[in-house]
Structure formats: structure tokens, C-alpha cells
Amino acid sequence: MKIVQISDTHLTASGGPTTDAFRLLAQHLNEEVRPDLVVHSGDIQVLHPDDAADRAHARELLDLISAPLLVVPGNHDIGMPGLNAWAGLNVTDDRVAAHEAAFGPGHWRHDTEEAILLGINSEVLSSGLQLEADQWRWFEQTLEDLPAGRPVLLFLHKPLWSVTDEPVDHQVDVGPVARDRLLGLLKRIDLRAVGCGHLHRYRNVQRDNAIEVWAPATAFLAPGEDDLPEAREELGYVEYTVTDGAVSAEFRLVPGMPQITTDDVPEIAQAIEAMTAAV
């Protein structure tokens, strides 16, 4: 079984390089890779979760992918938890509802003959919303109902394990309380992979019996975070292979996709300017 994980597409109705990159990605997946399944691990939209035009444009572009597609939301899709949310954009019921109306449920289970895939919404963890309690209830029940004998792959936007010991301006991974609870629950199952996005870098490290995979972005290389260990700073995607119960993951480049930064995407500055003007 071949599963592709894409992440951090940062698509905007203004078009530009992130849209061009996604069209290249979709064509490559459809014509060359032909995966059995594609998972998008969040930050579908460029910056602001309330921009309905960006959301609609992103939905149209995601429909270019021929393979079945599953999505988990990122902070730019629905906001994030915590007092220091980026640009003050906290996760809310309304933002989650708008996202799910366009892209489907923020948490899900997908069964195949080779593996079971689970997706969770990392942005409601530690939010205090009823949505968080509902997801915890669903997750615990789902783990109890999993059949034996098939590996499990978990997908979410933010890294499950701590990214850095140093304090940061806003949350870059799942907070410690939610992390400990998740890891305690995951000990009950045959977890083989945890795939996330958010950091715009690729990394693949072993965590007991599972691999932790950071998916690279397709949109742009992110500034900062230069001290992340074993991280690859290139745009691309991740290709998972599930064979006889074994799960592996590899970084893949998209032919013709330029390796650009935020300075090469004027739509980022435009989106920030629009956000500032709206405050």
C-alpha cells in the first residue's frame, strides 16, 4: 500500500507560487506516483482561517488530486489553542465548523486491508472547547474498537513529541498535558507511524515501535527554527509504504517544484497586510 502525506500548502485565492506548486504536486501524484491514499496534514489555507475565498480556492485545488483524500486541520485553517496563539487567531467552534463544511471531519478513522489510519485535530487539544472533549471521547472509543493484526498510522498537524526545550512565542507542538494523555492511550495499539506537518521540514525518527515523520511543506521554506535536529529543509512530500505489516516513509521531491521562501511569495505579505488592516 502506498500512502502520500502532503502538508502546509498555504493556498490563497490570490493564486501565486503556492498555487503553482500545488498544481505541479497534483499532476505528479496523479500521473507518476498514483498513491492508494493521500493525507493532507493541515495549513491548507495561506494564513487566516476566516478567509472564505481562500478556503473555497483550496477546496477546488485539492479536488485536482485523483486519489482518495483525507484532511486534518492546521492552525491556519481553524486557529490554535493557547494564550499566545499566532496573530491572536484562537481556535473556535465557528472556525472548525467552516473548515469541516469544506474539507470533512477534523478527526477520522480510515480502514484498509493493510493498515488503519487515524486523524485527529491537534488544534483543539488543550483548547477547553467542547469539541476537544468530544474528540477525546471519540478517540478513546476508537482505540478500543481497533481490530488486532493491522498497523496503525496516526496523522495530525502539530508534532506529537516536543520539538524544542526552549520557550517559543506560540505553540509549535502538542502541549505536554495532551501529549501525555495521547501517548498513554497509544500504548494500547500497534502504532507504527505518526505523521505531522507545521514545521515546513522533513524528519523521520524512531519512537519505540513507531516512526515520527515531519512532512515538508509544498508552499515555502519557513524562516527560523534553524536548530531542529536531523531536519531536512526542502519542499516536497512523504511517501509511506505498508508491506506485510511493516511501515516505512521516505522524503520525495516534486519534479520542477522550485525551492522558495516566504520572500518569493508576495501573497504572504498581502495576506498579512489584509489581516493587519482588519484589526
C-alpha atoms as a PDB file:
ATOM      1  CA  MET A   1       0.000   0.000   0.000  1.00  0.00           C
ATOM      2  CA  LYS A   2       1.273   3.471  -0.933  1.00  0.00           C
ATOM      3  CA  ILE A   3       0.161   6.473   1.147  1.00  0.00           C
ATOM      4  CA  VAL A   4       1.239  10.031   0.393  1.00  0.00           C
ATOM      5  CA  GLN A   5       1.292  12.760   3.037  1.00  0.00           C
ATOM      6  CA  ILE A   6       1.257  16.368   1.895  1.00  0.00           C
ATOM      7  CA  SER A   7       1.276  19.366   4.190  1.00  0.00           C
ATOM      8  CA  ASP A   8       1.367  23.139   4.582  1.00  0.00           C
ATOM      9  CA  THR A   9       0.156  24.057   1.127  1.00  0.00           C
ATOM     10  CA  HIS A  10      -0.848  27.612   2.226  1.00  0.00           C
ATOM     11  CA  LEU A  11      -3.202  28.169  -0.690  1.00  0.00           C
ATOM     12  CA  THR A  12      -4.772  31.553  -1.382  1.00  0.00           C
ATOM     13  CA  ALA A  13      -7.449  32.777  -3.746  1.00  0.00           C
ATOM     14  CA  SER A  14      -4.837  35.280  -4.963  1.00  0.00           C
ATOM     15  CA  GLY A  15      -3.023  32.404  -6.639  1.00  0.00           C
ATOM     16  CA  GLY A  16       0.724  32.779  -6.980  1.00  0.00           C
ATOM     17  CA  PRO A  17       3.601  30.390  -6.271  1.00  0.00           C
ATOM     18  CA  THR A  18       1.791  28.232  -3.694  1.00  0.00           C
ATOM     19  CA  THR A  19      -0.996  27.501  -6.175  1.00  0.00           C
ATOM     20  CA  ASP A  20       1.532  26.808  -8.932  1.00  0.00           C
ATOM     21  CA  ALA A  21       3.386  24.399  -6.643  1.00  0.00           C
ATOM     22  CA  PHE A  22       0.199  22.579  -5.728  1.00  0.00           C
ATOM     23  CA  ARG A  23      -0.788  22.109  -9.367  1.00  0.00           C
ATOM     24  CA  LEU A  24       2.626  20.566 -10.014  1.00  0.00           C
ATOM     25  CA  LEU A  25       2.189  18.325  -6.980  1.00  0.00           C
ATOM     26  CA  ALA A  26      -1.277  17.145  -8.026  1.00  0.00           C
ATOM     27  CA  GLN A  27      -0.125  16.375 -11.560  1.00  0.00           C
ATOM     28  CA  HIS A  28       2.886  14.461 -10.265  1.00  0.00           C
ATOM     29  CA  LEU A  29       0.799  12.404  -7.847  1.00  0.00           C
ATOM     30  CA  ASN A  30      -1.849  11.632 -10.458  1.00  0.00           C
ATOM     31  CA  GLU A  31       0.469  10.757 -13.335  1.00  0.00           C
ATOM     32  CA  GLU A  32       3.570   9.325 -11.693  1.00  0.00           C
ATOM     33  CA  VAL A  33       3.019   8.268  -8.079  1.00  0.00           C
ATOM     34  CA  ARG A  34      -0.587   7.029  -8.193  1.00  0.00           C
ATOM     35  CA  PRO A  35      -0.941   6.528  -4.426  1.00  0.00           C
ATOM     36  CA  ASP A  36      -3.717   4.499  -2.860  1.00  0.00           C
ATOM     37  CA  LEU A  37      -4.483   7.357  -0.490  1.00  0.00           C
ATOM     38  CA  VAL A  38      -3.397  10.944   0.208  1.00  0.00           C
ATOM     39  CA  VAL A  39      -3.421  12.629   3.632  1.00  0.00           C
ATOM     40  CA  HIS A  40      -3.143  16.404   3.985  1.00  0.00           C
ATOM     41  CA  SER A  41      -1.798  17.269   7.446  1.00  0.00           C
ATOM     42  CA  GLY A  42      -3.022  20.833   7.632  1.00  0.00           C
ATOM     43  CA  ASP A  43      -2.382  24.502   6.930  1.00  0.00           C
ATOM     44  CA  ILE A  44      -4.299  24.150   3.720  1.00  0.00           C
ATOM     45  CA  GLN A  45      -5.075  27.876   3.616  1.00  0.00           C
ATOM     46  CA  VAL A  46      -2.500  30.601   3.386  1.00  0.00           C
ATOM     47  CA  LEU A  47      -2.808  32.397   6.761  1.00  0.00           C
ATOM     48  CA  HIS A  48      -6.246  33.426   8.028  1.00  0.00           C
ATOM     49  CA  PRO A  49      -8.843  30.747   8.843  1.00  0.00           C
ATOM     50  CA  ASP A  50     -11.764  33.141   8.288  1.00  0.00           C
ATOM     51  CA  ASP A  51     -10.983  33.858   4.637  1.00  0.00           C
ATOM     52  CA  ALA A  52     -13.809  32.077   2.814  1.00  0.00           C
ATOM     53  CA  ALA A  53     -12.323  32.801  -0.621  1.00  0.00           C
ATOM     54  CA  ASP A  54      -9.042  31.111   0.326  1.00  0.00           C
ATOM     55  CA  ARG A  55     -10.979  28.148   1.689  1.00  0.00           C
ATOM     56  CA  ALA A  56     -13.041  27.742  -1.467  1.00  0.00           C
ATOM     57  CA  HIS A  57      -9.963  28.070  -3.700  1.00  0.00           C
ATOM     58  CA  ALA A  58      -8.124  25.457  -1.639  1.00  0.00           C
ATOM     59  CA  ARG A  59     -11.074  23.082  -1.875  1.00  0.00           C
ATOM     60  CA  GLU A  60     -11.074  23.365  -5.672  1.00  0.00           C
ATOM     61  CA  LEU A  61      -7.347  22.683  -5.841  1.00  0.00           C
ATOM     62  CA  LEU A  62      -7.500  19.682  -3.529  1.00  0.00           C
ATOM     63  CA  ASP A  63     -10.105  18.210  -5.866  1.00  0.00           C
ATOM     64  CA  LEU A  64      -7.376  18.001  -8.533  1.00  0.00           C
ATOM     65  CA  ILE A  65      -5.918  15.003  -6.680  1.00  0.00           C
ATOM     66  CA  SER A  66      -7.352  11.797  -8.122  1.00  0.00           C
ATOM     67  CA  ALA A  67      -6.638   9.521  -5.156  1.00  0.00           C
ATOM     68  CA  PRO A  68      -8.919   9.416  -2.098  1.00  0.00           C
ATOM     69  CA  LEU A  69      -8.004  12.343   0.157  1.00  0.00           C
ATOM     70  CA  LEU A  70      -8.210  12.725   3.939  1.00  0.00           C
ATOM     71  CA  VAL A  71      -7.556  16.009   5.751  1.00  0.00           C
ATOM     72  CA  VAL A  72      -6.698  17.141   9.274  1.00  0.00           C
ATOM     73  CA  PRO A  73      -6.810  20.877  10.040  1.00  0.00           C
ATOM     74  CA  GLY A  74      -3.883  23.143  10.820  1.00  0.00           C
ATOM     75  CA  ASN A  75      -3.719  26.351  12.791  1.00  0.00           C
ATOM     76  CA  HIS A  76      -4.072  28.480   9.651  1.00  0.00           C
ATOM     77  CA  ASP A  77      -7.248  26.552   8.850  1.00  0.00           C
ATOM     78  CA  ILE A  78      -9.047  26.857  12.213  1.00  0.00           C
ATOM     79  CA  GLY A  79      -6.826  28.803  14.630  1.00  0.00           C
ATOM     80  CA  MET A  80      -4.796  27.368  17.506  1.00  0.00           C
ATOM     81  CA  PRO A  81      -5.209  26.909  21.275  1.00  0.00           C
ATOM     82  CA  GLY A  82      -3.387  28.890  23.953  1.00  0.00           C
ATOM     83  CA  LEU A  83      -2.979  32.440  25.166  1.00  0.00           C
ATOM     84  CA  ASN A  84      -0.234  33.198  22.649  1.00  0.00           C
ATOM     85  CA  ALA A  85      -1.975  31.996  19.500  1.00  0.00           C
ATOM     86  CA  TRP A  86      -0.299  33.220  16.316  1.00  0.00           C
ATOM     87  CA  ALA A  87      -1.714  36.649  15.388  1.00  0.00           C
ATOM     88  CA  GLY A  88      -4.305  36.139  18.128  1.00  0.00           C
ATOM     89  CA  LEU A  89      -6.130  33.581  15.988  1.00  0.00           C
ATOM     90  CA  ASN A  90      -7.561  31.128  18.505  1.00  0.00           C
ATOM     91  CA  VAL A  91      -9.444  28.009  17.528  1.00  0.00           C
ATOM     92  CA  THR A  92     -13.236  28.442  17.771  1.00  0.00           C
ATOM     93  CA  ASP A  93     -16.348  26.378  17.124  1.00  0.00           C
ATOM     94  CA  ASP A  94     -17.218  28.534  14.116  1.00  0.00           C
ATOM     95  CA  ARG A  95     -13.788  28.149  12.536  1.00  0.00           C
ATOM     96  CA  VAL A  96     -13.851  24.391  12.962  1.00  0.00           C
ATOM     97  CA  ALA A  97     -17.371  24.227  11.517  1.00  0.00           C
ATOM     98  CA  ALA A  98     -16.388  26.256   8.441  1.00  0.00           C
ATOM     99  CA  HIS A  99     -13.364  24.055   7.847  1.00  0.00           C
ATOM    100  CA  GLU A 100     -15.286  20.809   8.237  1.00  0.00           C
ATOM    101  CA  ALA A 101     -18.018  22.017   5.872  1.00  0.00           C
ATOM    102  CA  ALA A 102     -15.366  22.367   3.173  1.00  0.00           C
ATOM    103  CA  PHE A 103     -12.933  19.536   3.940  1.00  0.00           C
ATOM    104  CA  GLY A 104     -14.738  16.984   6.095  1.00  0.00           C
ATOM    105  CA  PRO A 105     -14.375  15.916   9.731  1.00  0.00           C
ATOM    106  CA  GLY A 106     -11.329  17.092  11.669  1.00  0.00           C
ATOM    107  CA  HIS A 107     -10.897  13.630  13.183  1.00  0.00           C
ATOM    108  CA  TRP A 108     -11.497  10.350  11.411  1.00  0.00           C
ATOM    109  CA  ARG A 109     -10.724   6.646  11.082  1.00  0.00           C
ATOM    110  CA  HIS A 110      -9.966   5.003   7.733  1.00  0.00           C
ATOM    111  CA  ASP A 111      -9.592   1.226   7.497  1.00  0.00           C
ATOM    112  CA  THR A 112      -7.783  -0.623   4.719  1.00  0.00           C
ATOM    113  CA  GLU A 113      -6.713  -4.246   4.420  1.00  0.00           C
ATOM    114  CA  GLU A 114      -3.083  -3.275   5.096  1.00  0.00           C
ATOM    115  CA  ALA A 115      -3.406  -0.619   7.809  1.00  0.00           C
ATOM    116  CA  ILE A 116      -5.678   1.598   9.847  1.00  0.00           C
ATOM    117  CA  LEU A 117      -5.284   5.357   9.536  1.00  0.00           C
ATOM    118  CA  LEU A 118      -6.415   7.741  12.264  1.00  0.00           C
ATOM    119  CA  GLY A 119      -6.593  11.516  12.008  1.00  0.00           C
ATOM    120  CA  ILE A 120      -7.010  13.915  14.911  1.00  0.00           C
ATOM    121  CA  ASN A 121      -7.411  17.669  15.220  1.00  0.00           C
ATOM    122  CA  SER A 122      -4.338  18.872  17.116  1.00  0.00           C
ATOM    123  CA  GLU A 123      -5.646  22.455  17.251  1.00  0.00           C
ATOM    124  CA  VAL A 124      -8.495  21.678  19.671  1.00  0.00           C
ATOM    125  CA  LEU A 125      -6.202  19.881  22.128  1.00  0.00           C
ATOM    126  CA  SER A 126      -5.890  21.937  25.329  1.00  0.00           C
ATOM    127  CA  SER A 127      -8.423  24.416  23.931  1.00  0.00           C
ATOM    128  CA  GLY A 128     -11.105  23.762  26.545  1.00  0.00           C
ATOM    129  CA  LEU A 129     -13.758  23.618  23.820  1.00  0.00           C
ATOM    130  CA  GLN A 130     -16.484  21.007  23.880  1.00  0.00           C
ATOM    131  CA  LEU A 131     -15.012  19.884  20.567  1.00  0.00           C
ATOM    132  CA  GLU A 132     -11.921  18.775  22.466  1.00  0.00           C
ATOM    133  CA  ALA A 133     -13.936  16.658  24.907  1.00  0.00           C
ATOM    134  CA  ASP A 134     -15.880  15.149  22.019  1.00  0.00           C
ATOM    135  CA  GLN A 135     -12.661  14.241  20.202  1.00  0.00           C
ATOM    136  CA  TRP A 136     -11.158  12.642  23.314  1.00  0.00           C
ATOM    137  CA  ARG A 137     -14.311  10.547  23.758  1.00  0.00           C
ATOM    138  CA  TRP A 138     -14.233   9.502  20.100  1.00  0.00           C
ATOM    139  CA  PHE A 139     -10.514   8.703  20.194  1.00  0.00           C
ATOM    140  CA  GLU A 140     -10.701   6.521  23.288  1.00  0.00           C
ATOM    141  CA  GLN A 141     -13.669   4.596  21.887  1.00  0.00           C
ATOM    142  CA  THR A 142     -11.983   4.216  18.510  1.00  0.00           C
ATOM    143  CA  LEU A 143      -8.835   2.737  20.040  1.00  0.00           C
ATOM    144  CA  GLU A 144     -10.915   0.224  21.981  1.00  0.00           C
ATOM    145  CA  ASP A 145     -12.615  -0.911  18.777  1.00  0.00           C
ATOM    146  CA  LEU A 146      -9.494  -1.363  16.622  1.00  0.00           C
ATOM    147  CA  PRO A 147      -9.013  -4.902  15.281  1.00  0.00           C
ATOM    148  CA  ALA A 148      -5.753  -6.674  16.053  1.00  0.00           C
ATOM    149  CA  GLY A 149      -3.211  -7.506  13.395  1.00  0.00           C
ATOM    150  CA  ARG A 150      -3.063  -4.287  11.390  1.00  0.00           C
ATOM    151  CA  PRO A 151      -0.566  -1.458  11.894  1.00  0.00           C
ATOM    152  CA  VAL A 152      -1.920   1.975  12.827  1.00  0.00           C
ATOM    153  CA  LEU A 153      -0.772   5.288  11.329  1.00  0.00           C
ATOM    154  CA  LEU A 154      -1.775   8.493  13.137  1.00  0.00           C
ATOM    155  CA  PHE A 155      -1.897  11.896  11.443  1.00  0.00           C
ATOM    156  CA  LEU A 156      -2.204  15.365  12.984  1.00  0.00           C
ATOM    157  CA  HIS A 157      -0.954  18.857  12.187  1.00  0.00           C
ATOM    158  CA  LYS A 158       1.375  19.658  15.078  1.00  0.00           C
ATOM    159  CA  PRO A 159       4.163  17.317  16.213  1.00  0.00           C
ATOM    160  CA  LEU A 160       3.137  14.958  18.996  1.00  0.00           C
ATOM    161  CA  TRP A 161       6.548  14.902  20.650  1.00  0.00           C
ATOM    162  CA  SER A 162       8.196  18.082  21.924  1.00  0.00           C
ATOM    163  CA  VAL A 163      10.092  19.948  19.204  1.00  0.00           C
ATOM    164  CA  THR A 164      12.361  22.069  21.406  1.00  0.00           C
ATOM    165  CA  ASP A 165      13.094  22.583  25.072  1.00  0.00           C
ATOM    166  CA  GLU A 166      13.416  26.318  24.537  1.00  0.00           C
ATOM    167  CA  PRO A 167      10.405  28.614  25.046  1.00  0.00           C
ATOM    168  CA  VAL A 168       8.735  29.855  21.857  1.00  0.00           C
ATOM    169  CA  ASP A 169       6.284  32.647  21.073  1.00  0.00           C
ATOM    170  CA  HIS A 170       3.437  30.281  20.238  1.00  0.00           C
ATOM    171  CA  GLN A 171       2.719  26.583  20.377  1.00  0.00           C
ATOM    172  CA  VAL A 172       4.744  24.517  17.903  1.00  0.00           C
ATOM    173  CA  ASP A 173       3.771  21.040  19.127  1.00  0.00           C
ATOM    174  CA  VAL A 174       1.062  19.292  21.115  1.00  0.00           C
ATOM    175  CA  GLY A 175       1.185  20.611  24.678  1.00  0.00           C
ATOM    176  CA  PRO A 176       2.550  18.399  27.471  1.00  0.00           C
ATOM    177  CA  VAL A 177      -0.800  17.579  29.123  1.00  0.00           C
ATOM    178  CA  ALA A 178      -2.450  16.455  25.887  1.00  0.00           C
ATOM    179  CA  ARG A 179       0.781  14.757  24.768  1.00  0.00           C
ATOM    180  CA  ASP A 180       0.995  12.595  27.886  1.00  0.00           C
ATOM    181  CA  ARG A 181      -2.654  11.614  27.572  1.00  0.00           C
ATOM    182  CA  LEU A 182      -2.268  10.710  23.899  1.00  0.00           C
ATOM    183  CA  LEU A 183       0.896   8.706  24.433  1.00  0.00           C
ATOM    184  CA  GLY A 184      -0.759   6.802  27.261  1.00  0.00           C
ATOM    185  CA  LEU A 185      -3.680   5.860  25.033  1.00  0.00           C
ATOM    186  CA  LEU A 186      -1.480   4.973  22.063  1.00  0.00           C
ATOM    187  CA  LYS A 187       0.372   2.345  24.108  1.00  0.00           C
ATOM    188  CA  ARG A 188      -2.727   0.170  23.712  1.00  0.00           C
ATOM    189  CA  ILE A 189      -2.390  -0.215  19.942  1.00  0.00           C
ATOM    190  CA  ASP A 190       0.087  -1.313  17.279  1.00  0.00           C
ATOM    191  CA  LEU A 191       1.191   2.219  16.415  1.00  0.00           C
ATOM    192  CA  ARG A 192       3.746   2.260  13.582  1.00  0.00           C
ATOM    193  CA  ALA A 193       3.797   5.861  12.371  1.00  0.00           C
ATOM    194  CA  VAL A 194       2.844   9.371  13.484  1.00  0.00           C
ATOM    195  CA  GLY A 195       2.787  11.918  10.657  1.00  0.00           C
ATOM    196  CA  CYS A 196       2.552  15.678  11.248  1.00  0.00           C
ATOM    197  CA  GLY A 197       3.268  18.935   9.437  1.00  0.00           C
ATOM    198  CA  HIS A 198       3.506  22.532  10.691  1.00  0.00           C
ATOM    199  CA  LEU A 199       7.302  22.893  10.747  1.00  0.00           C
ATOM    200  CA  HIS A 200       7.904  23.012   6.962  1.00  0.00           C
ATOM    201  CA  ARG A 201      10.675  20.448   7.375  1.00  0.00           C
ATOM    202  CA  TYR A 202      11.106  16.719   6.880  1.00  0.00           C
ATOM    203  CA  ARG A 203      12.328  14.440   9.630  1.00  0.00           C
ATOM    204  CA  ASN A 204      11.985  10.710  10.267  1.00  0.00           C
ATOM    205  CA  VAL A 205      12.986   9.387  13.706  1.00  0.00           C
ATOM    206  CA  GLN A 206      12.195   6.216  15.619  1.00  0.00           C
ATOM    207  CA  ARG A 207       9.903   6.449  18.644  1.00  0.00           C
ATOM    208  CA  ASP A 208       9.784   2.961  20.212  1.00  0.00           C
ATOM    209  CA  ASN A 209       7.903   0.852  17.632  1.00  0.00           C
ATOM    210  CA  ALA A 210       6.718   3.838  15.595  1.00  0.00           C
ATOM    211  CA  ILE A 211       8.353   6.334  13.268  1.00  0.00           C
ATOM    212  CA  GLU A 212       7.699  10.021  13.850  1.00  0.00           C
ATOM    213  CA  VAL A 213       7.525  11.788  10.492  1.00  0.00           C
ATOM    214  CA  TRP A 214       7.521  15.529   9.948  1.00  0.00           C
ATOM    215  CA  ALA A 215       6.149  16.227   6.478  1.00  0.00           C
ATOM    216  CA  PRO A 216       7.747  19.039   4.484  1.00  0.00           C
ATOM    217  CA  ALA A 217       5.684  21.896   3.110  1.00  0.00           C
ATOM    218  CA  THR A 218       4.840  22.316  -0.546  1.00  0.00           C
ATOM    219  CA  ALA A 219       4.340  26.098  -0.247  1.00  0.00           C
ATOM    220  CA  PHE A 220       7.587  27.629   1.012  1.00  0.00           C
ATOM    221  CA  LEU A 221      10.527  27.097   3.315  1.00  0.00           C
ATOM    222  CA  ALA A 222       9.874  28.681   6.701  1.00  0.00           C
ATOM    223  CA  PRO A 223      12.322  31.059   8.383  1.00  0.00           C
ATOM    224  CA  GLY A 224      13.751  30.317  11.826  1.00  0.00           C
ATOM    225  CA  GLU A 225      13.858  27.018  13.703  1.00  0.00           C
ATOM    226  CA  ASP A 226      17.408  26.542  12.411  1.00  0.00           C
ATOM    227  CA  ASP A 227      18.415  24.273  15.270  1.00  0.00           C
ATOM    228  CA  LEU A 228      15.880  21.492  14.649  1.00  0.00           C
ATOM    229  CA  PRO A 229      17.946  18.295  14.704  1.00  0.00           C
ATOM    230  CA  GLU A 230      18.007  15.914  11.754  1.00  0.00           C
ATOM    231  CA  ALA A 231      15.553  18.070   9.810  1.00  0.00           C
ATOM    232  CA  ARG A 232      15.670  18.404   6.022  1.00  0.00           C
ATOM    233  CA  GLU A 233      14.821  21.859   4.677  1.00  0.00           C
ATOM    234  CA  GLU A 234      13.344  21.186   1.252  1.00  0.00           C
ATOM    235  CA  LEU A 235       9.869  21.340  -0.227  1.00  0.00           C
ATOM    236  CA  GLY A 236       8.265  18.041  -1.128  1.00  0.00           C
ATOM    237  CA  TYR A 237       6.050  15.303   0.288  1.00  0.00           C
ATOM    238  CA  VAL A 238       6.243  11.993   2.147  1.00  0.00           C
ATOM    239  CA  GLU A 239       5.597   8.576   0.657  1.00  0.00           C
ATOM    240  CA  TYR A 240       4.677   5.779   3.080  1.00  0.00           C
ATOM    241  CA  THR A 241       4.821   2.126   2.130  1.00  0.00           C
ATOM    242  CA  VAL A 242       2.939  -0.541   4.075  1.00  0.00           C
ATOM    243  CA  THR A 243       4.106  -4.071   3.276  1.00  0.00           C
ATOM    244  CA  ASP A 244       3.341  -7.195   5.330  1.00  0.00           C
ATOM    245  CA  GLY A 245       2.689  -5.100   8.430  1.00  0.00           C
ATOM    246  CA  ALA A 246       5.874  -3.028   8.107  1.00  0.00           C
ATOM    247  CA  VAL A 247       5.606   0.749   7.640  1.00  0.00           C
ATOM    248  CA  SER A 248       8.325   2.930   6.114  1.00  0.00           C
ATOM    249  CA  ALA A 249       8.428   6.568   4.992  1.00  0.00           C
ATOM    250  CA  GLU A 250      10.602   8.454   2.519  1.00  0.00           C
ATOM    251  CA  PHE A 251      11.010  12.094   1.531  1.00  0.00           C
ATOM    252  CA  ARG A 252      10.128  12.832  -2.088  1.00  0.00           C
ATOM    253  CA  LEU A 253      10.750  15.850  -4.318  1.00  0.00           C
ATOM    254  CA  VAL A 254       8.261  17.111  -6.886  1.00  0.00           C
ATOM    255  CA  PRO A 255       9.944  17.499 -10.293  1.00  0.00           C
ATOM    256  CA  GLY A 256      10.020  21.142 -11.317  1.00  0.00           C
ATOM    257  CA  MET A 257       8.927  22.492  -7.923  1.00  0.00           C
ATOM    258  CA  PRO A 258      11.150  25.473  -7.009  1.00  0.00           C
ATOM    259  CA  GLN A 259      12.634  25.679  -3.525  1.00  0.00           C
ATOM    260  CA  ILE A 260      11.288  29.067  -2.436  1.00  0.00           C
ATOM    261  CA  THR A 261      10.945  31.034   0.803  1.00  0.00           C
ATOM    262  CA  THR A 262       8.291  33.443   2.031  1.00  0.00           C
ATOM    263  CA  ASP A 263      10.192  36.257   0.309  1.00  0.00           C
ATOM    264  CA  ASP A 264       9.284  34.626  -3.008  1.00  0.00           C
ATOM    265  CA  VAL A 265       5.561  34.578  -2.191  1.00  0.00           C
ATOM    266  CA  PRO A 266       4.183  38.148  -2.315  1.00  0.00           C
ATOM    267  CA  GLU A 267       0.750  36.786  -1.411  1.00  0.00           C
ATOM    268  CA  ILE A 268       2.050  36.162   2.123  1.00  0.00           C
ATOM    269  CA  ALA A 269       2.824  39.850   2.650  1.00  0.00           C
ATOM    270  CA  GLN A 270      -0.526  40.746   1.100  1.00  0.00           C
ATOM    271  CA  ALA A 271      -2.374  38.405   3.465  1.00  0.00           C
ATOM    272  CA  ILE A 272      -0.539  39.806   6.492  1.00  0.00           C
ATOM    273  CA  GLU A 273      -1.324  43.352   5.351  1.00  0.00           C
ATOM    274  CA  ALA A 274      -5.006  42.465   4.980  1.00  0.00           C
ATOM    275  CA  MET A 275      -5.050  40.896   8.443  1.00  0.00           C
ATOM    276  CA  THR A 276      -3.424  43.976   9.977  1.00  0.00           C
ATOM    277  CA  ALA A 277      -5.872  46.303   8.281  1.00  0.00           C
ATOM    278  CA  ALA A 278      -8.809  44.277   9.559  1.00  0.00           C
ATOM    279  CA  VAL A 279      -7.748  44.568  13.223  1.00  0.00           C
END
